[in-house]
Amino acid sequence: MDTDTTSTGTSIPTTDIPPTDIPGTDNPATDTTADAQGTPKKPFRLVRSRSDRMLGGVCGGIAAQLDIDVSLLRLGLVALTILGAGAGAVLYVAAWVLAPEAD
């Protein structure tokens, strides 16, 4: 067993953890998460929709990834723009520029 000595002189046992067991590592087998029923879910990916678009397809792509109604997301974005002094519009333009179109 490996030990690590701290600045106080006490030793702390450490173990070797395989990289596949460390959260956040790129392991395709563990990249999916499961919901309450145990069915695997795909990870969230910010993309723009090609079919459900009014301007750039940002809301359509996010709604498809989150599996929610696109109208609710659009209303929320309008509310954020009005109540947040334009923050919603800035976020929309940033997502429009940065997000790729869906395949």
C-alpha atoms as a PDB file:
ATOM      1  CA  MET A   1       0.000   0.000   0.000  1.00  0.00           C
ATOM      2  CA  ASP A   2       1.327   3.445  -0.916  1.00  0.00           C
ATOM      3  CA  THR A   3       1.433   6.223   1.654  1.00  0.00           C
ATOM      4  CA  ASP A   4       1.586   9.973   1.291  1.00  0.00           C
ATOM      5  CA  THR A   5       3.247  12.054   3.982  1.00  0.00           C
ATOM      6  CA  THR A   6       1.604  15.408   4.678  1.00  0.00           C
ATOM      7  CA  SER A   7       3.326  18.537   5.954  1.00  0.00           C
ATOM      8  CA  THR A   8       2.373  17.599   9.529  1.00  0.00           C
ATOM      9  CA  GLY A   9       4.309  14.357   9.311  1.00  0.00           C
ATOM     10  CA  THR A  10       1.281  12.059   9.366  1.00  0.00           C
ATOM     11  CA  SER A  11       0.964   9.456   6.670  1.00  0.00           C
ATOM     12  CA  ILE A  12      -2.199   8.945   4.683  1.00  0.00           C
ATOM     13  CA  PRO A  13      -2.735   5.648   2.849  1.00  0.00           C
ATOM     14  CA  THR A  14      -3.375   6.014  -0.851  1.00  0.00           C
ATOM     15  CA  THR A  15      -4.437   3.486  -3.412  1.00  0.00           C
ATOM     16  CA  ASP A  16      -3.900   3.342  -7.114  1.00  0.00           C
ATOM     17  CA  ILE A  17      -7.169   4.128  -8.860  1.00  0.00           C
ATOM     18  CA  PRO A  18      -7.446   2.982 -12.465  1.00  0.00           C
ATOM     19  CA  PRO A  19      -8.103   5.915 -14.830  1.00  0.00           C
ATOM     20  CA  THR A  20     -11.403   4.379 -15.939  1.00  0.00           C
ATOM     21  CA  ASP A  21     -12.814   4.753 -12.409  1.00  0.00           C
ATOM     22  CA  ILE A  22     -12.024   8.456 -12.094  1.00  0.00           C
ATOM     23  CA  PRO A  23     -15.029  10.700 -12.835  1.00  0.00           C
ATOM     24  CA  GLY A  24     -14.543  13.099 -15.707  1.00  0.00           C
ATOM     25  CA  THR A  25     -12.086  10.972 -17.667  1.00  0.00           C
ATOM     26  CA  ASP A  26     -12.801  10.245 -21.286  1.00  0.00           C
ATOM     27  CA  ASN A  27     -14.102   6.711 -21.147  1.00  0.00           C
ATOM     28  CA  PRO A  28     -16.785   5.929 -23.744  1.00  0.00           C
ATOM     29  CA  ALA A  29     -18.227   3.155 -21.589  1.00  0.00           C
ATOM     30  CA  THR A  30     -19.008   5.574 -18.750  1.00  0.00           C
ATOM     31  CA  ASP A  31     -19.984   8.662 -20.771  1.00  0.00           C
ATOM     32  CA  THR A  32     -23.691   7.897 -20.536  1.00  0.00           C
ATOM     33  CA  THR A  33     -25.719   8.571 -17.435  1.00  0.00           C
ATOM     34  CA  ALA A  34     -28.805   6.727 -16.307  1.00  0.00           C
ATOM     35  CA  ASP A  35     -32.154   8.124 -15.265  1.00  0.00           C
ATOM     36  CA  ALA A  36     -34.287   6.879 -12.361  1.00  0.00           C
ATOM     37  CA  GLN A  37     -35.449   3.827 -14.338  1.00  0.00           C
ATOM     38  CA  GLY A  38     -31.876   2.886 -15.230  1.00  0.00           C
ATOM     39  CA  THR A  39     -32.149   3.604 -18.943  1.00  0.00           C
ATOM     40  CA  PRO A  40     -28.991   5.238 -20.308  1.00  0.00           C
ATOM     41  CA  LYS A  41     -29.187   8.861 -21.433  1.00  0.00           C
ATOM     42  CA  LYS A  42     -26.926  10.550 -23.955  1.00  0.00           C
ATOM     43  CA  PRO A  43     -24.766  13.416 -22.686  1.00  0.00           C
ATOM     44  CA  PHE A  44     -25.893  16.987 -23.376  1.00  0.00           C
ATOM     45  CA  ARG A  45     -24.448  18.511 -26.540  1.00  0.00           C
ATOM     46  CA  LEU A  46     -25.164  22.099 -27.556  1.00  0.00           C
ATOM     47  CA  VAL A  47     -26.208  22.036 -31.223  1.00  0.00           C
ATOM     48  CA  ARG A  48     -28.413  24.143 -33.482  1.00  0.00           C
ATOM     49  CA  SER A  49     -31.431  22.534 -35.103  1.00  0.00           C
ATOM     50  CA  ARG A  50     -31.667  22.378 -38.888  1.00  0.00           C
ATOM     51  CA  SER A  51     -35.418  21.843 -38.988  1.00  0.00           C
ATOM     52  CA  ASP A  52     -36.913  23.608 -35.933  1.00  0.00           C
ATOM     53  CA  ARG A  53     -35.605  27.142 -36.308  1.00  0.00           C
ATOM     54  CA  MET A  54     -36.932  30.679 -36.242  1.00  0.00           C
ATOM     55  CA  LEU A  55     -33.608  32.520 -36.387  1.00  0.00           C
ATOM     56  CA  GLY A  56     -30.562  30.329 -35.923  1.00  0.00           C
ATOM     57  CA  GLY A  57     -32.003  27.106 -34.536  1.00  0.00           C
ATOM     58  CA  VAL A  58     -30.501  27.572 -31.074  1.00  0.00           C
ATOM     59  CA  CYS A  59     -33.748  27.095 -29.120  1.00  0.00           C
ATOM     60  CA  GLY A  60     -34.762  24.153 -31.325  1.00  0.00           C
ATOM     61  CA  GLY A  61     -31.437  22.405 -30.718  1.00  0.00           C
ATOM     62  CA  ILE A  62     -31.462  22.984 -26.968  1.00  0.00           C
ATOM     63  CA  ALA A  63     -35.098  21.868 -26.697  1.00  0.00           C
ATOM     64  CA  ALA A  64     -34.325  18.672 -28.609  1.00  0.00           C
ATOM     65  CA  GLN A  65     -31.373  17.890 -26.330  1.00  0.00           C
ATOM     66  CA  LEU A  66     -33.361  18.570 -23.157  1.00  0.00           C
ATOM     67  CA  ASP A  67     -36.513  16.895 -24.523  1.00  0.00           C
ATOM     68  CA  ILE A  68     -38.761  19.870 -23.716  1.00  0.00           C
ATOM     69  CA  ASP A  69     -41.184  21.937 -25.781  1.00  0.00           C
ATOM     70  CA  VAL A  70     -39.372  24.510 -27.890  1.00  0.00           C
ATOM     71  CA  SER A  71     -42.124  27.098 -27.284  1.00  0.00           C
ATOM     72  CA  LEU A  72     -41.460  27.050 -23.529  1.00  0.00           C
ATOM     73  CA  LEU A  73     -37.769  27.564 -24.131  1.00  0.00           C
ATOM     74  CA  ARG A  74     -38.432  30.463 -26.491  1.00  0.00           C
ATOM     75  CA  LEU A  75     -40.769  32.110 -23.971  1.00  0.00           C
ATOM     76  CA  GLY A  76     -38.147  31.695 -21.265  1.00  0.00           C
ATOM     77  CA  LEU A  77     -35.514  33.272 -23.492  1.00  0.00           C
ATOM     78  CA  VAL A  78     -37.774  36.253 -24.238  1.00  0.00           C
ATOM     79  CA  ALA A  79     -38.464  36.656 -20.511  1.00  0.00           C
ATOM     80  CA  LEU A  80     -34.730  36.495 -19.758  1.00  0.00           C
ATOM     81  CA  THR A  81     -34.073  39.122 -22.423  1.00  0.00           C
ATOM     82  CA  ILE A  82     -36.719  41.493 -21.060  1.00  0.00           C
ATOM     83  CA  LEU A  83     -36.103  40.959 -17.349  1.00  0.00           C
ATOM     84  CA  GLY A  84     -32.362  40.449 -17.593  1.00  0.00           C
ATOM     85  CA  ALA A  85     -31.504  43.663 -19.450  1.00  0.00           C
ATOM     86  CA  GLY A  86     -30.730  41.843 -22.697  1.00  0.00           C
ATOM     87  CA  ALA A  87     -28.843  38.892 -21.212  1.00  0.00           C
ATOM     88  CA  GLY A  88     -31.012  36.404 -23.105  1.00  0.00           C
ATOM     89  CA  ALA A  89     -30.204  38.018 -26.439  1.00  0.00           C
ATOM     90  CA  VAL A  90     -26.479  37.977 -25.678  1.00  0.00           C
ATOM     91  CA  LEU A  91     -26.620  34.283 -24.716  1.00  0.00           C
ATOM     92  CA  TYR A  92     -28.605  33.467 -27.862  1.00  0.00           C
ATOM     93  CA  VAL A  93     -26.103  35.202 -30.151  1.00  0.00           C
ATOM     94  CA  ALA A  94     -23.184  33.512 -28.380  1.00  0.00           C
ATOM     95  CA  ALA A  95     -24.813  30.087 -28.789  1.00  0.00           C
ATOM     96  CA  TRP A  96     -25.609  30.892 -32.429  1.00  0.00           C
ATOM     97  CA  VAL A  97     -21.952  31.639 -33.119  1.00  0.00           C
ATOM     98  CA  LEU A  98     -20.423  28.828 -31.048  1.00  0.00           C
ATOM     99  CA  ALA A  99     -22.805  25.883 -31.510  1.00  0.00           C
ATOM    100  CA  PRO A 100     -22.478  23.695 -34.591  1.00  0.00           C
ATOM    101  CA  GLU A 101     -25.517  22.616 -36.605  1.00  0.00           C
ATOM    102  CA  ALA A 102     -26.974  19.212 -35.764  1.00  0.00           C
ATOM    103  CA  ASP A 103     -26.010  16.289 -37.952  1.00  0.00           C
END
